[in-house]
Amino acid sequence: MNKTKNKIRIFKSFEEAKETEVQDIIKQSPIDRLRHTVELILRVHQVSRQDLKNRTATGKIRIITAG
């Protein structure tokens, strides 16, 4: 777990904040970055891990087009 998560950092500029954010991401392991990405996707689509476990495989691919 990230120990700095509960700290508040104050930056002198937006550029400094962005650089720190980039450095923090670089320090993460690839597995942690993937884990965060998956969690974000699940939240965006309002799906839980349990929902995914309860789904049955249909053997079909559903293509959704916009418009």
C-alpha atoms as a PDB file:
ATOM      1  CA  MET A   1       0.000   0.000   0.000  1.00  0.00           C
ATOM      2  CA  ASN A   2       1.181   3.501  -0.803  1.00  0.00           C
ATOM      3  CA  LYS A   3       2.267   5.166   2.447  1.00  0.00           C
ATOM      4  CA  THR A   4       1.936   8.694   1.016  1.00  0.00           C
ATOM      5  CA  LYS A   5      -1.757   8.188   0.259  1.00  0.00           C
ATOM      6  CA  ASN A   6      -2.820   9.894   3.504  1.00  0.00           C
ATOM      7  CA  LYS A   7      -0.466  12.850   3.124  1.00  0.00           C
ATOM      8  CA  ILE A   8      -1.370  16.203   1.659  1.00  0.00           C
ATOM      9  CA  ARG A   9       1.296  17.692  -0.582  1.00  0.00           C
ATOM     10  CA  ILE A  10       1.320  21.340  -1.579  1.00  0.00           C
ATOM     11  CA  PHE A  11       3.094  22.247  -4.797  1.00  0.00           C
ATOM     12  CA  LYS A  12       4.426  25.562  -6.061  1.00  0.00           C
ATOM     13  CA  SER A  13       2.951  25.025  -9.534  1.00  0.00           C
ATOM     14  CA  PHE A  14       0.763  22.730 -11.596  1.00  0.00           C
ATOM     15  CA  GLU A  15       3.874  21.660 -13.501  1.00  0.00           C
ATOM     16  CA  GLU A  16       5.567  20.518 -10.296  1.00  0.00           C
ATOM     17  CA  ALA A  17       2.431  18.595  -9.284  1.00  0.00           C
ATOM     18  CA  LYS A  18       2.222  16.923 -12.693  1.00  0.00           C
ATOM     19  CA  GLU A  19       5.910  15.959 -12.606  1.00  0.00           C
ATOM     20  CA  THR A  20       5.473  14.413  -9.158  1.00  0.00           C
ATOM     21  CA  GLU A  21       2.409  12.507 -10.382  1.00  0.00           C
ATOM     22  CA  VAL A  22       4.377  11.168 -13.367  1.00  0.00           C
ATOM     23  CA  GLN A  23       7.265  10.105 -11.102  1.00  0.00           C
ATOM     24  CA  ASP A  24       4.846   8.342  -8.742  1.00  0.00           C
ATOM     25  CA  ILE A  25       3.346   6.420 -11.668  1.00  0.00           C
ATOM     26  CA  ILE A  26       6.794   5.456 -12.933  1.00  0.00           C
ATOM     27  CA  LYS A  27       7.656   4.069  -9.484  1.00  0.00           C
ATOM     28  CA  GLN A  28       4.626   1.742  -9.551  1.00  0.00           C
ATOM     29  CA  SER A  29       5.126  -1.808 -10.728  1.00  0.00           C
ATOM     30  CA  PRO A  30       3.476  -2.747 -14.042  1.00  0.00           C
ATOM     31  CA  ILE A  31       1.167  -5.126 -12.146  1.00  0.00           C
ATOM     32  CA  ASP A  32      -0.027  -2.303  -9.872  1.00  0.00           C
ATOM     33  CA  ARG A  33      -0.642  -0.039 -12.871  1.00  0.00           C
ATOM     34  CA  LEU A  34      -2.697  -2.782 -14.544  1.00  0.00           C
ATOM     35  CA  ARG A  35      -4.608  -3.395 -11.317  1.00  0.00           C
ATOM     36  CA  HIS A  36      -5.489   0.318 -11.058  1.00  0.00           C
ATOM     37  CA  THR A  37      -6.537   0.363 -14.719  1.00  0.00           C
ATOM     38  CA  VAL A  38      -8.850  -2.619 -14.244  1.00  0.00           C
ATOM     39  CA  GLU A  39     -10.385  -1.039 -11.148  1.00  0.00           C
ATOM     40  CA  LEU A  40     -11.016   2.185 -13.067  1.00  0.00           C
ATOM     41  CA  ILE A  41     -12.671   0.297 -15.934  1.00  0.00           C
ATOM     42  CA  LEU A  42     -14.907  -1.587 -13.507  1.00  0.00           C
ATOM     43  CA  ARG A  43     -15.946   1.656 -11.779  1.00  0.00           C
ATOM     44  CA  VAL A  44     -16.629   3.430 -15.074  1.00  0.00           C
ATOM     45  CA  HIS A  45     -18.874   0.594 -16.244  1.00  0.00           C
ATOM     46  CA  GLN A  46     -20.414   0.153 -12.766  1.00  0.00           C
ATOM     47  CA  VAL A  47     -19.497  -3.542 -12.649  1.00  0.00           C
ATOM     48  CA  SER A  48     -18.102  -5.340  -9.625  1.00  0.00           C
ATOM     49  CA  ARG A  49     -15.717  -8.268  -9.612  1.00  0.00           C
ATOM     50  CA  GLN A  50     -18.571 -10.381  -8.234  1.00  0.00           C
ATOM     51  CA  ASP A  51     -20.742  -9.380 -11.231  1.00  0.00           C
ATOM     52  CA  LEU A  52     -18.014 -10.652 -13.524  1.00  0.00           C
ATOM     53  CA  LYS A  53     -17.725 -13.930 -11.618  1.00  0.00           C
ATOM     54  CA  ASN A  54     -21.496 -14.483 -11.857  1.00  0.00           C
ATOM     55  CA  ARG A  55     -21.616 -14.020 -15.638  1.00  0.00           C
ATOM     56  CA  THR A  56     -21.891 -17.083 -17.809  1.00  0.00           C
ATOM     57  CA  ALA A  57     -19.786 -17.501 -20.925  1.00  0.00           C
ATOM     58  CA  THR A  58     -21.863 -17.366 -24.097  1.00  0.00           C
ATOM     59  CA  GLY A  59     -19.074 -18.010 -26.575  1.00  0.00           C
ATOM     60  CA  LYS A  60     -20.214 -14.941 -28.478  1.00  0.00           C
ATOM     61  CA  ILE A  61     -18.603 -11.540 -28.949  1.00  0.00           C
ATOM     62  CA  ARG A  62     -20.927  -8.563 -28.677  1.00  0.00           C
ATOM     63  CA  ILE A  63     -19.925  -5.502 -30.684  1.00  0.00           C
ATOM     64  CA  ILE A  64     -21.479  -2.239 -29.612  1.00  0.00           C
ATOM     65  CA  THR A  65     -21.263   0.658 -32.046  1.00  0.00           C
ATOM     66  CA  ALA A  66     -21.861   4.290 -31.238  1.00  0.00           C
ATOM     67  CA  GLY A  67     -24.486   6.233 -33.075  1.00  0.00           C
END
